Amino acid sequence: MPTWSLVVPTYNRRDVLLRTLPLAFRQTVPPIQAVIVDSSDDWQVTRDAVQALAAKHPEIRLDYLQAVTPSSATQRNQGVEQAIGDIVVMIDDDSFLYPDYVERLLAVYAADTRGVLAGVNGVNVPAIPDTQATAELARKADNQEKVRGLRDRVREYRLGRWISSHILFQDMHTLFLKYEGERNLTIPQDFAHLDVTPMTFMSGHGLSIRRDIALAEPLDRSLRYYAALEDLDASYRYGRHGLLLRANDAKLHHFEVAGGRVKRRTATTFQLLNMLVFLKRNADRPQVWLAPYRRMLWRRLLSETIKDAVSHRWDFPQAKGVLGAMRAWRQVWQIPTKDLDQWYPGYQRWILDRH
């Protein structure tokens, strides 16, 4: 099997990181390297605690780095640049891996005799592999059992799935405007014996990618303050280089621990403006995508208003976030693409300071 390096960006989450890493270190096929990129103010304290954990696994090289730029996208890029494995496995600092998660990913790579595979994702499951690891940790409010249960019941029905995807934008394929069209979703015969599903996008809480492709297609460097949709954009670009597959028997649990960097309103605004950045930077003819993008803004306004109301958020923060993007998109659009890396971080900072 190919070798692999673990890459984990983190920020002010020492408690959960120290519970996540032991499960990654104890994989049935352990990493040859773990790269932790920390943007916390007291990152040295967490580094010392992680070094104590890693001492129990001397076969794993530990690179604990202070983040050059505090952003999940740029921290992942920094980690990839430091990685030495054939495969890079990127997880969030609250992704709890089942013991054979990476072994099952690597089995898919091992079946790639013709070099047609770019990346492999796993499956996020409700069950936690080690309940003791999550004891006393709080989840984000929207991930309470009652909310998840209602969503899952709605999706049991065909109409419910359509509403969830096309009205409420609870699907990657409606959230993201595919500026290079549809990807090839056929499974080559090489992988017919494996339980795999073709994918267009991979989730950043547990994706794997060949290191050379990750270096060729870094996460968008302009997303310095909130990197919403960065994993969809990067994995969509990974598809330029080969097939993306989901290993259906590779399981993890993304806990989504409480405590975010930005408010709902701001997060929604950034998600929509980031999508415009992706179009400007990566589409062959960005101007062709302006009309679909503007239509999406109006559809998202309806969607986020409904979701706010259903969740009894009577100040409608997510709907206000869409309105913020409606007011701001023209400023992003008029910036030359070559200037985005310098200009857009400052604009994100300005939006954060206002909210």
Protein backbone atom coordinates (compact mmCIF):
# COMPACT_ATOMS: atom_id res chain seq x y z
CA MET A 1 0.00 0.00 0.00
CA PRO A 2 1.10 3.62 -0.47
CA THR A 3 2.38 5.59 2.52
CA TRP A 4 0.29 8.38 4.02
CA SER A 5 0.70 11.58 5.97
CA LEU A 6 -1.94 12.98 8.30
CA VAL A 7 -2.67 16.73 8.01
CA VAL A 8 -4.78 18.47 10.67
CA PRO A 9 -5.44 22.22 10.85
CA THR A 10 -6.52 23.38 14.31
CA TYR A 11 -7.48 26.54 16.16
CA ASN A 12 -8.20 26.86 19.88
CA ARG A 13 -9.46 23.28 20.21
CA ARG A 14 -6.86 21.60 22.36
CA ASP A 15 -9.36 19.40 24.21
CA VAL A 16 -10.87 17.84 21.11
CA LEU A 17 -7.57 17.62 19.20
CA LEU A 18 -6.03 15.57 22.01
CA ARG A 19 -8.95 13.14 21.71
CA THR A 20 -8.91 12.96 17.92
CA LEU A 21 -5.22 12.28 17.39
CA PRO A 22 -4.95 8.99 19.34
CA LEU A 23 -7.54 7.42 17.01
CA ALA A 24 -5.53 8.62 14.00
CA PHE A 25 -2.23 7.40 15.47
CA ARG A 26 -3.70 3.96 16.22
CA GLN A 27 -4.91 3.25 12.68
CA THR A 28 -4.46 -0.34 11.50
CA VAL A 29 -2.14 1.18 8.89
CA PRO A 30 -0.54 4.03 10.83
CA PRO A 31 0.72 7.21 9.18
CA ILE A 32 4.40 7.70 8.56
CA GLN A 33 3.91 11.34 9.53
CA ALA A 34 1.46 13.64 11.31
CA VAL A 35 1.46 17.33 10.40
CA ILE A 36 -0.48 19.56 12.79
CA VAL A 37 -0.83 23.21 11.75
CA ASP A 38 -1.99 25.31 14.70
CA SER A 39 -3.18 28.93 14.56
CA SER A 40 -3.96 29.19 18.29
CA ASP A 41 -2.35 31.96 20.34
CA ASP A 42 -0.99 29.37 22.78
CA TRP A 43 -0.06 26.82 20.14
CA GLN A 44 3.15 25.86 21.95
CA VAL A 45 1.13 24.51 24.89
CA THR A 46 -0.89 22.26 22.61
CA ARG A 47 2.29 21.25 20.77
CA ASP A 48 3.82 20.02 24.01
CA ALA A 49 0.72 17.95 24.81
CA VAL A 50 0.65 16.45 21.31
CA GLN A 51 4.34 15.63 21.51
CA ALA A 52 3.60 13.66 24.67
CA LEU A 53 0.92 11.70 22.78
CA ALA A 54 3.18 11.12 19.80
CA ALA A 55 5.97 9.81 22.02
CA LYS A 56 3.93 6.61 22.36
CA HIS A 57 4.18 6.19 18.58
CA PRO A 58 7.86 6.70 17.72
CA GLU A 59 7.34 5.27 14.23
CA ILE A 60 5.26 8.35 13.35
CA ARG A 61 7.17 11.51 12.49
CA LEU A 62 5.48 14.53 14.11
CA ASP A 63 5.67 17.98 12.52
CA TYR A 64 3.86 20.48 14.73
CA LEU A 65 3.78 23.84 12.95
CA GLN A 66 2.62 27.29 13.87
CA ALA A 67 0.25 28.48 11.16
CA VAL A 68 1.73 31.09 8.85
CA THR A 69 -1.80 32.35 8.18
CA PRO A 70 -4.78 31.53 10.47
CA SER A 71 -7.19 29.91 8.01
CA SER A 72 -8.28 26.30 7.59
CA ALA A 73 -7.56 26.53 3.84
CA THR A 74 -4.07 28.00 4.13
CA GLN A 75 -3.26 25.77 7.12
CA ARG A 76 -4.12 22.70 5.04
CA ASN A 77 -1.89 23.99 2.25
CA GLN A 78 0.94 24.50 4.73
CA GLY A 79 0.47 20.95 5.99
CA VAL A 80 0.47 19.48 2.49
CA GLU A 81 3.70 21.29 1.67
CA GLN A 82 5.29 19.63 4.71
CA ALA A 83 3.86 16.15 3.99
CA ILE A 84 6.11 13.31 2.83
CA GLY A 85 3.63 10.46 2.28
CA ASP A 86 2.33 9.32 -1.10
CA ILE A 87 -1.19 10.08 0.11
CA VAL A 88 -2.30 13.02 2.22
CA VAL A 89 -5.23 12.39 4.57
CA MET A 90 -6.76 15.68 5.73
CA ILE A 91 -9.14 15.62 8.67
CA ASP A 92 -10.68 18.23 10.93
CA ASP A 93 -9.55 18.42 14.52
CA ASP A 94 -12.90 16.92 15.57
CA SER A 95 -12.97 14.00 13.11
CA PHE A 96 -12.96 10.69 14.99
CA LEU A 97 -11.65 7.90 12.77
CA TYR A 98 -12.66 4.25 13.00
CA PRO A 99 -9.57 2.03 13.47
CA ASP A 100 -9.44 0.84 9.85
CA TYR A 101 -10.52 4.11 8.21
CA VAL A 102 -7.27 4.79 6.37
CA GLU A 103 -6.60 1.11 5.60
CA ARG A 104 -9.86 1.01 3.64
CA LEU A 105 -8.96 4.21 1.81
CA LEU A 106 -5.56 2.84 0.89
CA ALA A 107 -7.08 -0.40 -0.40
CA VAL A 108 -8.79 1.67 -3.09
CA TYR A 109 -5.51 3.31 -4.09
CA ALA A 110 -3.85 -0.11 -4.18
CA ALA A 111 -6.40 -1.26 -6.75
CA ASP A 112 -5.52 1.63 -9.08
CA THR A 113 -3.28 -0.23 -11.53
CA ARG A 114 -3.66 2.37 -14.33
CA GLY A 115 -3.21 5.61 -12.36
CA VAL A 116 -6.75 6.89 -12.91
CA LEU A 117 -7.54 7.63 -9.26
CA ALA A 118 -7.03 11.08 -7.72
CA GLY A 119 -8.63 10.84 -4.29
CA VAL A 120 -10.75 8.79 -1.91
CA ASN A 121 -13.22 9.94 0.73
CA GLY A 122 -14.84 7.98 3.54
CA VAL A 123 -18.31 8.04 5.07
CA ASN A 124 -19.41 10.22 7.98
CA VAL A 125 -21.57 8.02 10.24
CA PRO A 126 -23.70 8.92 13.30
CA ALA A 127 -22.06 6.39 15.61
CA ILE A 128 -18.92 7.48 17.44
CA PRO A 129 -16.05 4.95 17.29
CA ASP A 130 -14.99 5.72 20.86
CA THR A 131 -17.70 7.33 23.00
CA GLN A 132 -15.21 7.98 25.80
CA ALA A 133 -13.25 10.24 23.45
CA THR A 134 -16.21 12.62 23.12
CA ALA A 135 -17.30 12.63 26.77
CA GLU A 136 -18.28 16.13 27.96
CA LEU A 137 -17.71 17.68 24.54
CA ALA A 138 -20.51 19.95 23.30
CA ARG A 139 -21.74 19.92 19.72
CA LYS A 140 -22.83 22.81 17.57
CA ALA A 141 -26.46 23.61 18.32
CA ASP A 142 -27.77 22.53 14.91
CA ASN A 143 -26.35 19.06 15.34
CA GLN A 144 -28.57 18.03 18.22
CA GLU A 145 -30.18 14.64 17.88
CA LYS A 146 -33.67 16.08 17.41
CA VAL A 147 -32.61 18.27 14.50
CA ARG A 148 -30.70 15.47 12.78
CA GLY A 149 -33.56 13.06 13.31
CA LEU A 150 -36.09 15.41 11.69
CA ARG A 151 -33.83 15.98 8.70
CA ASP A 152 -33.25 12.26 8.23
CA ARG A 153 -36.98 11.51 8.40
CA VAL A 154 -37.72 14.12 5.73
CA ARG A 155 -35.07 12.63 3.45
CA GLU A 156 -36.70 9.21 3.59
CA TYR A 157 -39.21 10.42 0.99
CA ARG A 158 -38.53 11.37 -2.61
CA LEU A 159 -40.25 14.75 -2.31
CA GLY A 160 -38.43 15.43 0.93
CA ARG A 161 -35.08 14.72 -0.73
CA TRP A 162 -35.94 17.06 -3.61
CA ILE A 163 -36.97 19.85 -1.23
CA SER A 164 -33.86 19.30 0.90
CA SER A 165 -31.59 19.54 -2.14
CA HIS A 166 -33.21 22.11 -4.43
CA ILE A 167 -35.12 24.35 -2.01
CA LEU A 168 -33.07 24.16 1.18
CA PHE A 169 -29.65 23.71 -0.49
CA GLN A 170 -28.71 20.78 1.74
CA ASP A 171 -26.69 19.15 -1.01
CA MET A 172 -23.18 19.81 -2.33
CA HIS A 173 -24.39 19.73 -5.93
CA THR A 174 -26.75 22.65 -5.38
CA LEU A 175 -24.46 24.62 -3.06
CA PHE A 176 -21.63 24.65 -5.59
CA LEU A 177 -21.73 25.97 -9.16
CA LYS A 178 -19.75 23.44 -11.22
CA TYR A 179 -17.78 25.82 -13.42
CA GLU A 180 -16.18 22.98 -15.43
CA GLY A 181 -19.33 20.93 -15.88
CA GLU A 182 -20.09 17.44 -14.64
CA ARG A 183 -17.31 15.02 -13.77
CA ASN A 184 -17.04 11.45 -15.03
CA LEU A 185 -18.94 9.30 -12.54
CA THR A 186 -18.34 5.86 -14.01
CA ILE A 187 -16.39 3.28 -12.02
CA PRO A 188 -13.56 1.56 -13.94
CA GLN A 189 -13.37 -2.22 -13.84
CA ASP A 190 -10.25 -2.00 -11.65
CA PHE A 191 -12.47 -1.05 -8.70
CA ALA A 192 -15.47 -3.29 -9.42
CA HIS A 193 -14.59 -5.63 -6.56
CA LEU A 194 -14.64 -2.79 -4.03
CA ASP A 195 -17.60 -1.10 -2.35
CA VAL A 196 -17.03 2.36 -3.81
CA THR A 197 -19.15 5.20 -5.18
CA PRO A 198 -17.97 7.87 -7.66
CA MET A 199 -17.93 11.43 -6.33
CA THR A 200 -17.70 14.99 -7.60
CA PHE A 201 -16.86 16.52 -4.22
CA MET A 202 -15.12 15.33 -1.08
CA SER A 203 -15.70 16.59 2.45
CA GLY A 204 -12.72 18.17 4.15
CA HIS A 205 -13.37 16.44 7.46
CA GLY A 206 -11.91 13.19 6.09
CA LEU A 207 -10.59 13.34 2.54
CA SER A 208 -7.50 11.75 1.06
CA ILE A 209 -5.65 12.79 -2.07
CA ARG A 210 -2.42 11.97 -3.84
CA ARG A 211 0.16 14.42 -2.58
CA ASP A 212 1.25 15.58 -6.03
CA ILE A 213 -2.34 16.50 -6.88
CA ALA A 214 -2.82 18.32 -3.57
CA LEU A 215 0.27 20.38 -4.38
CA ALA A 216 -0.99 21.10 -7.91
CA GLU A 217 -4.45 22.14 -6.69
CA PRO A 218 -4.02 23.96 -3.35
CA LEU A 219 -7.02 25.21 -1.45
CA ASP A 220 -7.85 28.78 -2.38
CA ARG A 221 -5.20 30.99 -0.79
CA SER A 222 -7.40 34.07 -0.57
CA LEU A 223 -9.71 32.50 2.04
CA ARG A 224 -7.92 33.87 5.09
CA TYR A 225 -10.77 34.52 7.53
CA TYR A 226 -13.52 32.08 6.66
CA ALA A 227 -12.94 29.26 4.20
CA ALA A 228 -16.52 28.12 3.53
CA LEU A 229 -16.81 25.66 0.58
CA GLU A 230 -13.02 25.42 0.32
CA ASP A 231 -13.15 21.60 0.38
CA LEU A 232 -15.77 21.49 -2.39
CA ASP A 233 -13.74 23.79 -4.62
CA ALA A 234 -10.45 21.99 -4.04
CA SER A 235 -11.90 18.50 -4.49
CA TYR A 236 -13.77 19.62 -7.61
CA ARG A 237 -10.40 20.72 -9.02
CA TYR A 238 -8.84 17.42 -7.92
CA GLY A 239 -11.26 15.89 -10.43
CA ARG A 240 -9.22 17.47 -13.22
CA HIS A 241 -6.53 14.91 -12.50
CA GLY A 242 -8.49 11.72 -12.03
CA LEU A 243 -11.39 9.90 -10.45
CA LEU A 244 -12.74 10.63 -6.98
CA LEU A 245 -14.27 7.69 -5.11
CA ARG A 246 -15.99 7.17 -1.78
CA ALA A 247 -14.96 4.04 0.10
CA ASN A 248 -18.30 3.06 1.61
CA ASP A 249 -16.71 0.85 4.26
CA ALA A 250 -14.34 3.58 5.52
CA LYS A 251 -16.08 5.21 8.48
CA LEU A 252 -15.48 8.29 10.59
CA HIS A 253 -17.58 10.45 12.86
CA HIS A 254 -17.37 14.21 12.37
CA PHE A 255 -18.32 15.49 15.79
CA GLU A 256 -18.64 19.20 14.88
CA VAL A 257 -17.67 20.50 18.27
CA ALA A 258 -19.25 23.70 19.56
CA GLY A 259 -17.46 26.97 19.09
CA GLY A 260 -17.15 28.68 15.73
CA ARG A 261 -15.09 31.61 14.57
CA VAL A 262 -17.87 33.62 12.95
CA LYS A 263 -21.57 34.25 13.37
CA ARG A 264 -24.21 32.62 11.17
CA ARG A 265 -24.88 35.81 9.26
CA THR A 266 -21.24 36.34 8.42
CA ALA A 267 -20.66 32.67 7.58
CA THR A 268 -23.51 32.74 5.05
CA THR A 269 -22.18 35.91 3.43
CA PHE A 270 -18.69 34.42 3.14
CA GLN A 271 -19.99 31.15 1.70
CA LEU A 272 -21.68 33.01 -1.13
CA LEU A 273 -18.84 35.44 -1.80
CA ASN A 274 -16.28 32.61 -1.72
CA MET A 275 -18.24 30.89 -4.48
CA LEU A 276 -17.87 34.01 -6.59
CA VAL A 277 -14.11 33.98 -5.97
CA PHE A 278 -13.96 30.37 -7.18
CA LEU A 279 -15.82 31.29 -10.37
CA LYS A 280 -13.58 34.27 -11.10
CA ARG A 281 -10.41 32.31 -10.47
CA ASN A 282 -11.18 28.95 -12.07
CA ALA A 283 -13.91 29.22 -14.71
CA ASP A 284 -12.74 29.52 -18.32
CA ARG A 285 -15.39 32.19 -18.94
CA PRO A 286 -16.40 33.65 -15.57
CA GLN A 287 -18.85 36.10 -17.10
CA VAL A 288 -21.03 33.18 -18.29
CA TRP A 289 -21.56 32.22 -14.64
CA LEU A 290 -22.66 35.61 -13.38
CA ALA A 291 -26.34 35.13 -14.24
CA PRO A 292 -26.57 31.64 -12.64
CA TYR A 293 -24.79 33.02 -9.59
CA ARG A 294 -27.25 35.88 -9.20
CA ARG A 295 -30.19 33.49 -9.57
CA MET A 296 -28.65 31.34 -6.86
CA LEU A 297 -28.54 34.34 -4.52
CA TRP A 298 -32.31 34.78 -4.78
CA ARG A 299 -32.92 31.07 -4.30
CA ARG A 300 -30.63 31.06 -1.27
CA LEU A 301 -32.53 34.01 0.19
CA LEU A 302 -35.70 31.89 0.15
CA SER A 303 -33.83 28.85 1.46
CA GLU A 304 -32.14 30.57 4.38
CA THR A 305 -35.35 32.39 5.35
CA ILE A 306 -37.14 29.04 5.58
CA LYS A 307 -34.31 27.45 7.58
CA ASP A 308 -34.15 30.37 9.98
CA ALA A 309 -37.90 30.18 10.57
CA VAL A 310 -37.96 26.41 11.03
CA SER A 311 -35.14 26.72 13.57
CA HIS A 312 -36.94 29.61 15.37
CA ARG A 313 -34.11 32.02 14.65
CA TRP A 314 -36.40 35.02 14.52
CA ASP A 315 -33.61 37.50 13.85
CA PHE A 316 -33.08 35.59 10.55
CA PRO A 317 -29.27 35.67 10.61
CA GLN A 318 -28.74 33.40 7.60
CA ALA A 319 -31.23 35.31 5.46
CA LYS A 320 -29.44 38.52 6.45
CA GLY A 321 -26.21 36.86 5.40
CA VAL A 322 -27.60 36.34 1.90
CA LEU A 323 -28.69 39.97 1.77
CA GLY A 324 -25.15 40.93 2.74
CA ALA A 325 -23.79 38.93 -0.20
CA MET A 326 -26.32 40.57 -2.50
CA ARG A 327 -24.96 43.95 -1.49
CA ALA A 328 -21.31 42.92 -1.72
CA TRP A 329 -20.92 40.67 -4.76
CA ARG A 330 -20.32 43.54 -7.21
CA GLN A 331 -17.24 44.67 -5.28
CA VAL A 332 -15.79 41.15 -5.50
CA TRP A 333 -16.69 40.83 -9.16
CA GLN A 334 -14.90 44.00 -10.25
CA ILE A 335 -11.56 43.01 -8.69
CA PRO A 336 -9.09 41.60 -11.27
CA THR A 337 -8.43 37.92 -10.64
CA LYS A 338 -4.70 38.51 -10.24
CA ASP A 339 -5.43 40.83 -7.30
CA LEU A 340 -7.77 38.51 -5.38
CA ASP A 341 -5.11 37.01 -3.10
CA GLN A 342 -4.13 40.44 -1.90
CA TRP A 343 -7.55 42.14 -1.86
CA TYR A 344 -10.08 39.52 -0.75
CA PRO A 345 -8.58 38.74 2.68
CA GLY A 346 -8.82 42.42 3.57
CA TYR A 347 -12.42 42.50 2.40
CA GLN A 348 -13.23 39.46 4.53
CA ARG A 349 -11.61 41.20 7.50
CA TRP A 350 -13.71 44.31 6.84
CA ILE A 351 -16.92 42.25 6.82
CA LEU A 352 -15.93 40.53 10.05
CA ASP A 353 -15.24 43.83 11.78
CA ARG A 354 -18.65 45.21 10.73
CA HIS A 355 -20.52 42.16 12.02
